[in-house]
Amino acid sequence: MPGTGVGLILIDFVARPFAKILEKMPILMIVFLMILYGAIAFMVLRSAYRVDEHS
């Protein structure tokens, strides 16, 4: 499972080029960031609860 640090690196290096374009559309940028951070939070929570299942 990728860690949270990997998700933050992805946000920094993958999403940064699109930031200039998305600055002109703030509502779209908020939706995009909510989806991106939601996916990272889902992976973190899923991996946290998966540890308890296999014990």
PDB file of N, CA and C in Angstrom:
ATOM      1  N   MET A   1       0.837  -1.190   0.000  1.00  0.00           N
ATOM      2  CA  MET A   1       0.000   0.000   0.000  1.00  0.00           C
ATOM      3  C   MET A   1       0.874   1.243   0.000  1.00  0.00           C
ATOM      4  N   PRO A   2       0.591   2.174  -0.858  1.00  0.00           N
ATOM      5  CA  PRO A   2       1.352   3.419  -0.832  1.00  0.00           C
ATOM      6  C   PRO A   2       1.002   4.238   0.413  1.00  0.00           C
ATOM      7  N   GLY A   3       1.988   4.919   0.913  1.00  0.00           N
ATOM      8  CA  GLY A   3       1.785   5.731   2.103  1.00  0.00           C
ATOM      9  C   GLY A   3       1.257   7.107   1.775  1.00  0.00           C
ATOM     10  N   THR A   4       1.015   7.866   2.804  1.00  0.00           N
ATOM     11  CA  THR A   4       0.515   9.224   2.626  1.00  0.00           C
ATOM     12  C   THR A   4       1.551  10.104   1.947  1.00  0.00           C
ATOM     13  N   GLY A   5       2.821   9.852   2.222  1.00  0.00           N
ATOM     14  CA  GLY A   5       3.885  10.638   1.597  1.00  0.00           C
ATOM     15  C   GLY A   5       3.875  10.522   0.089  1.00  0.00           C
ATOM     16  N   VAL A   6       3.548   9.341  -0.411  1.00  0.00           N
ATOM     17  CA  VAL A   6       3.471   9.147  -1.858  1.00  0.00           C
ATOM     18  C   VAL A   6       2.349   9.999  -2.439  1.00  0.00           C
ATOM     19  N   GLY A   7       1.230  10.046  -1.731  1.00  0.00           N
ATOM     20  CA  GLY A   7       0.113  10.867  -2.197  1.00  0.00           C
ATOM     21  C   GLY A   7       0.461  12.344  -2.224  1.00  0.00           C
ATOM     22  N   LEU A   8       1.188  12.800  -1.213  1.00  0.00           N
ATOM     23  CA  LEU A   8       1.586  14.206  -1.195  1.00  0.00           C
ATOM     24  C   LEU A   8       2.573  14.515  -2.306  1.00  0.00           C
ATOM     25  N   ILE A   9       3.469  13.580  -2.600  1.00  0.00           N
ATOM     26  CA  ILE A   9       4.401  13.776  -3.720  1.00  0.00           C
ATOM     27  C   ILE A   9       3.637  13.830  -5.032  1.00  0.00           C
ATOM     28  N   LEU A  10       2.637  12.965  -5.180  1.00  0.00           N
ATOM     29  CA  LEU A  10       1.830  12.991  -6.397  1.00  0.00           C
ATOM     30  C   LEU A  10       1.125  14.330  -6.562  1.00  0.00           C
ATOM     31  N   ILE A  11       0.608  14.856  -5.470  1.00  0.00           N
ATOM     32  CA  ILE A  11      -0.065  16.155  -5.550  1.00  0.00           C
ATOM     33  C   ILE A  11       0.927  17.237  -5.957  1.00  0.00           C
ATOM     34  N   ASP A  12       2.122  17.211  -5.369  1.00  0.00           N
ATOM     35  CA  ASP A  12       3.098  18.245  -5.666  1.00  0.00           C
ATOM     36  C   ASP A  12       3.602  18.194  -7.109  1.00  0.00           C
ATOM     37  N   PHE A  13       3.938  17.012  -7.585  1.00  0.00           N
ATOM     38  CA  PHE A  13       4.612  16.926  -8.878  1.00  0.00           C
ATOM     39  C   PHE A  13       3.679  16.662 -10.053  1.00  0.00           C
ATOM     40  N   VAL A  14       2.556  16.042  -9.823  1.00  0.00           N
ATOM     41  CA  VAL A  14       1.640  15.762 -10.925  1.00  0.00           C
ATOM     42  C   VAL A  14       0.619  16.880 -11.093  1.00  0.00           C
ATOM     43  N   ALA A  15       0.067  17.355  -9.990  1.00  0.00           N
ATOM     44  CA  ALA A  15      -1.004  18.343 -10.071  1.00  0.00           C
ATOM     45  C   ALA A  15      -0.498  19.776 -10.234  1.00  0.00           C
ATOM     46  N   ARG A  16       0.762  20.027  -9.909  1.00  0.00           N
ATOM     47  CA  ARG A  16       1.276  21.397  -9.974  1.00  0.00           C
ATOM     48  C   ARG A  16       1.205  22.012 -11.375  1.00  0.00           C
ATOM     49  N   PRO A  17       1.535  21.275 -12.455  1.00  0.00           N
ATOM     50  CA  PRO A  17       1.413  21.901 -13.787  1.00  0.00           C
ATOM     51  C   PRO A  17      -0.013  22.311 -14.137  1.00  0.00           C
ATOM     52  N   PHE A  18      -0.988  21.605 -13.613  1.00  0.00           N
ATOM     53  CA  PHE A  18      -2.378  21.940 -13.912  1.00  0.00           C
ATOM     54  C   PHE A  18      -2.906  23.066 -13.027  1.00  0.00           C
ATOM     55  N   ALA A  19      -2.149  23.449 -12.017  1.00  0.00           N
ATOM     56  CA  ALA A  19      -2.619  24.471 -11.078  1.00  0.00           C
ATOM     57  C   ALA A  19      -2.811  25.818 -11.765  1.00  0.00           C
ATOM     58  N   LYS A  20      -1.930  26.164 -12.682  1.00  0.00           N
ATOM     59  CA  LYS A  20      -2.070  27.457 -13.378  1.00  0.00           C
ATOM     60  C   LYS A  20      -3.359  27.509 -14.189  1.00  0.00           C
ATOM     61  N   ILE A  21      -3.707  26.385 -14.805  1.00  0.00           N
ATOM     62  CA  ILE A  21      -4.945  26.336 -15.590  1.00  0.00           C
ATOM     63  C   ILE A  21      -6.153  26.388 -14.662  1.00  0.00           C
ATOM     64  N   LEU A  22      -6.076  25.640 -13.572  1.00  0.00           N
ATOM     65  CA  LEU A  22      -7.218  25.550 -12.665  1.00  0.00           C
ATOM     66  C   LEU A  22      -7.416  26.800 -11.825  1.00  0.00           C
ATOM     67  N   GLU A  23      -6.393  27.664 -11.724  1.00  0.00           N
ATOM     68  CA  GLU A  23      -6.563  28.912 -10.971  1.00  0.00           C
ATOM     69  C   GLU A  23      -7.616  29.801 -11.606  1.00  0.00           C
ATOM     70  N   LYS A  24      -7.826  29.649 -12.890  1.00  0.00           N
ATOM     71  CA  LYS A  24      -8.824  30.464 -13.585  1.00  0.00           C
ATOM     72  C   LYS A  24     -10.236  29.940 -13.355  1.00  0.00           C
ATOM     73  N   MET A  25     -10.346  28.696 -12.842  1.00  0.00           N
ATOM     74  CA  MET A  25     -11.653  28.095 -12.563  1.00  0.00           C
ATOM     75  C   MET A  25     -11.641  27.575 -11.125  1.00  0.00           C
ATOM     76  N   PRO A  26     -11.878  28.441 -10.133  1.00  0.00           N
ATOM     77  CA  PRO A  26     -11.717  28.029  -8.727  1.00  0.00           C
ATOM     78  C   PRO A  26     -12.673  26.925  -8.278  1.00  0.00           C
ATOM     79  N   ILE A  27     -13.881  26.896  -8.784  1.00  0.00           N
ATOM     80  CA  ILE A  27     -14.827  25.850  -8.381  1.00  0.00           C
ATOM     81  C   ILE A  27     -14.335  24.486  -8.864  1.00  0.00           C
ATOM     82  N   LEU A  28     -13.843  24.427 -10.083  1.00  0.00           N
ATOM     83  CA  LEU A  28     -13.312  23.184 -10.624  1.00  0.00           C
ATOM     84  C   LEU A  28     -12.085  22.738  -9.847  1.00  0.00           C
ATOM     85  N   MET A  29     -11.276  23.684  -9.413  1.00  0.00           N
ATOM     86  CA  MET A  29     -10.085  23.355  -8.634  1.00  0.00           C
ATOM     87  C   MET A  29     -10.464  22.772  -7.275  1.00  0.00           C
ATOM     88  N   ILE A  30     -11.476  23.322  -6.634  1.00  0.00           N
ATOM     89  CA  ILE A  30     -11.926  22.798  -5.341  1.00  0.00           C
ATOM     90  C   ILE A  30     -12.439  21.381  -5.497  1.00  0.00           C
ATOM     91  N   VAL A  31     -13.224  21.123  -6.535  1.00  0.00           N
ATOM     92  CA  VAL A  31     -13.743  19.776  -6.777  1.00  0.00           C
ATOM     93  C   VAL A  31     -12.600  18.808  -7.055  1.00  0.00           C
ATOM     94  N   PHE A  32     -11.633  19.227  -7.871  1.00  0.00           N
ATOM     95  CA  PHE A  32     -10.487  18.384  -8.200  1.00  0.00           C
ATOM     96  C   PHE A  32      -9.687  18.034  -6.948  1.00  0.00           C
ATOM     97  N   LEU A  33      -9.428  19.018  -6.096  1.00  0.00           N
ATOM     98  CA  LEU A  33      -8.674  18.758  -4.871  1.00  0.00           C
ATOM     99  C   LEU A  33      -9.444  17.881  -3.897  1.00  0.00           C
ATOM    100  N   MET A  34     -10.764  18.045  -3.823  1.00  0.00           N
ATOM    101  CA  MET A  34     -11.566  17.193  -2.945  1.00  0.00           C
ATOM    102  C   MET A  34     -11.495  15.744  -3.398  1.00  0.00           C
ATOM    103  N   ILE A  35     -11.547  15.511  -4.696  1.00  0.00           N
ATOM    104  CA  ILE A  35     -11.455  14.150  -5.218  1.00  0.00           C
ATOM    105  C   ILE A  35     -10.069  13.575  -4.951  1.00  0.00           C
ATOM    106  N   LEU A  36      -9.037  14.366  -5.179  1.00  0.00           N
ATOM    107  CA  LEU A  36      -7.667  13.900  -4.991  1.00  0.00           C
ATOM    108  C   LEU A  36      -7.383  13.579  -3.529  1.00  0.00           C
ATOM    109  N   TYR A  37      -7.704  14.500  -2.637  1.00  0.00           N
ATOM    110  CA  TYR A  37      -7.481  14.254  -1.212  1.00  0.00           C
ATOM    111  C   TYR A  37      -8.404  13.169  -0.675  1.00  0.00           C
ATOM    112  N   GLY A  38      -9.597  13.045  -1.210  1.00  0.00           N
ATOM    113  CA  GLY A  38     -10.506  11.983  -0.802  1.00  0.00           C
ATOM    114  C   GLY A  38      -9.956  10.611  -1.155  1.00  0.00           C
ATOM    115  N   ALA A  39      -9.357  10.493  -2.337  1.00  0.00           N
ATOM    116  CA  ALA A  39      -8.764   9.219  -2.735  1.00  0.00           C
ATOM    117  C   ALA A  39      -7.594   8.850  -1.828  1.00  0.00           C
ATOM    118  N   ILE A  40      -6.782   9.821  -1.475  1.00  0.00           N
ATOM    119  CA  ILE A  40      -5.656   9.564  -0.572  1.00  0.00           C
ATOM    120  C   ILE A  40      -6.162   9.175   0.807  1.00  0.00           C
ATOM    121  N   ALA A  41      -7.159   9.880   1.309  1.00  0.00           N
ATOM    122  CA  ALA A  41      -7.715   9.552   2.625  1.00  0.00           C
ATOM    123  C   ALA A  41      -8.344   8.165   2.620  1.00  0.00           C
ATOM    124  N   PHE A  42      -8.989   7.801   1.534  1.00  0.00           N
ATOM    125  CA  PHE A  42      -9.588   6.478   1.429  1.00  0.00           C
ATOM    126  C   PHE A  42      -8.514   5.392   1.490  1.00  0.00           C
ATOM    127  N   MET A  43      -7.404   5.585   0.777  1.00  0.00           N
ATOM    128  CA  MET A  43      -6.321   4.596   0.808  1.00  0.00           C
ATOM    129  C   MET A  43      -5.726   4.476   2.206  1.00  0.00           C
ATOM    130  N   VAL A  44      -5.549   5.601   2.882  1.00  0.00           N
ATOM    131  CA  VAL A  44      -4.974   5.573   4.232  1.00  0.00           C
ATOM    132  C   VAL A  44      -5.920   4.876   5.201  1.00  0.00           C
ATOM    133  N   LEU A  45      -7.195   5.216   5.171  1.00  0.00           N
ATOM    134  CA  LEU A  45      -8.160   4.593   6.083  1.00  0.00           C
ATOM    135  C   LEU A  45      -8.343   3.111   5.789  1.00  0.00           C
ATOM    136  N   ARG A  46      -8.353   2.767   4.510  1.00  0.00           N
ATOM    137  CA  ARG A  46      -8.502   1.359   4.146  1.00  0.00           C
ATOM    138  C   ARG A  46      -7.311   0.542   4.636  1.00  0.00           C
ATOM    139  N   SER A  47      -6.102   1.082   4.499  1.00  0.00           N
ATOM    140  CA  SER A  47      -4.933   0.347   4.965  1.00  0.00           C
ATOM    141  C   SER A  47      -4.896   0.277   6.488  1.00  0.00           C
ATOM    142  N   ALA A  48      -5.406   1.293   7.166  1.00  0.00           N
ATOM    143  CA  ALA A  48      -5.432   1.275   8.630  1.00  0.00           C
ATOM    144  C   ALA A  48      -6.386   0.226   9.159  1.00  0.00           C
ATOM    145  N   TYR A  49      -7.539   0.082   8.535  1.00  0.00           N
ATOM    146  CA  TYR A  49      -8.507  -0.905   8.991  1.00  0.00           C
ATOM    147  C   TYR A  49      -8.169  -2.310   8.507  1.00  0.00           C
ATOM    148  N   ARG A  50      -7.441  -2.419   7.408  1.00  0.00           N
ATOM    149  CA  ARG A  50      -7.071  -3.731   6.900  1.00  0.00           C
ATOM    150  C   ARG A  50      -6.113  -4.438   7.852  1.00  0.00           C
ATOM    151  N   VAL A  51      -5.293  -3.690   8.571  1.00  0.00           N
ATOM    152  CA  VAL A  51      -4.368  -4.277   9.533  1.00  0.00           C
ATOM    153  C   VAL A  51      -5.145  -4.981  10.639  1.00  0.00           C
ATOM    154  N   ASP A  52      -6.232  -4.385  11.084  1.00  0.00           N
ATOM    155  CA  ASP A  52      -7.042  -4.989  12.148  1.00  0.00           C
ATOM    156  C   ASP A  52      -7.747  -6.250  11.680  1.00  0.00           C
ATOM    157  N   GLU A  53      -8.131  -6.337  10.410  1.00  0.00           N
ATOM    158  CA  GLU A  53      -8.847  -7.495   9.909  1.00  0.00           C
ATOM    159  C   GLU A  53      -7.979  -8.750   9.900  1.00  0.00           C
ATOM    160  N   HIS A  54      -6.708  -8.614   9.535  1.00  0.00           N
ATOM    161  CA  HIS A  54      -5.847  -9.771   9.368  1.00  0.00           C
ATOM    162  C   HIS A  54      -5.186 -10.236  10.674  1.00  0.00           C
ATOM    163  N   SER A  55      -5.344  -9.497  11.742  1.00  0.00           N
ATOM    164  CA  SER A  55      -4.702  -9.878  13.015  1.00  0.00           C
ATOM    165  C   SER A  55      -5.462 -10.985  13.699  1.00  0.00           C
TER     166      SER A  55
END
